[in-house]
Amino acid sequence: MANTYFQFKQFIIHQDQCAMKVCTDSCILGAWFAEKIPSYSTVLDIGSGSGLLMLMLAQKSKAEIVGVEIDLPSCKQSKENIAESKWHERLKVFPGDIITHSFTEKFDFIIANPPFFEDDLLSPNKEKNVAKHSSLLTLQELINTIHQNLDVSGSFGILLPYHRTEYFEHLATKNNFYLLEKLLVRQTPKHNFFRSILHFSRNIETKPDAFELTIHNEHGNFTTEFAELMKDYYLHL
């Protein structure tokens, strides 16, 4: 039986009520952007799930962070996870659909680990389908939502399966967002890339920065690069 919680160095994620559990690629997403957002900024987490990304960003910044989560059990548990953290006063989670949710402010940074498996095999678990498949939030709807809620000088970050990278880059460009940098992730040196993490703004960059990250080396241990990225979060690093 899997653990019902995931213990990080400075916070804990209870996840027995969450459709999506803590996973390595989400942790990479949070750690990569935690070093990039302005310290005193406003952040929106679209589909905040267990609250993982909110807490990872809060650990490294003084940002005011808002999460929106459509799955009510996940939303309830994320509120509990946040309430137990030392940063709870500047983190808020709202239940509901990000497409119809209205904010009075624009955000400096938006982060999303969206449901991105369009037309892939569905699970018999309805909550997992909402969390993993884009039947309720397509990538075009996500772009529209980001456009509505992002400050004119802001930026956003997104985690995608590698095979959807080119499609999303094209979609973002059509909607006047431009790639700042990308991180391509693979499991080992022998594996192909399986995830991409993309950083966009409204400003045109002549040549986006590109990076690669391998999680495990040929001996099955964490690579130096991965350990360096996660050392402030993972126990025993």
Foldseek 3Di string as FASTA:
>chain_A
DDDQKDDWPAFIFRHPQFLDDDDDVVLLLLLVCLVPDAQAWEEEEEQCFRVVSVVSNVVSHNYQYEYEHADVSRQVNNLVRLVPGPNNVRYYYDYDHLLPDDDPAATQEYEYAQQAPEPDDDDPDPNNCRRNHCPPPYLLSVLVSNVVRHDQFHKYKYKDFPVCVVVSQVSNVVVQKEWQEKEFEDAEPVGDTTMMMTMIHNDYDPDHYYYYAYQAYPVRHGDPVNCVSCVNIHPPD
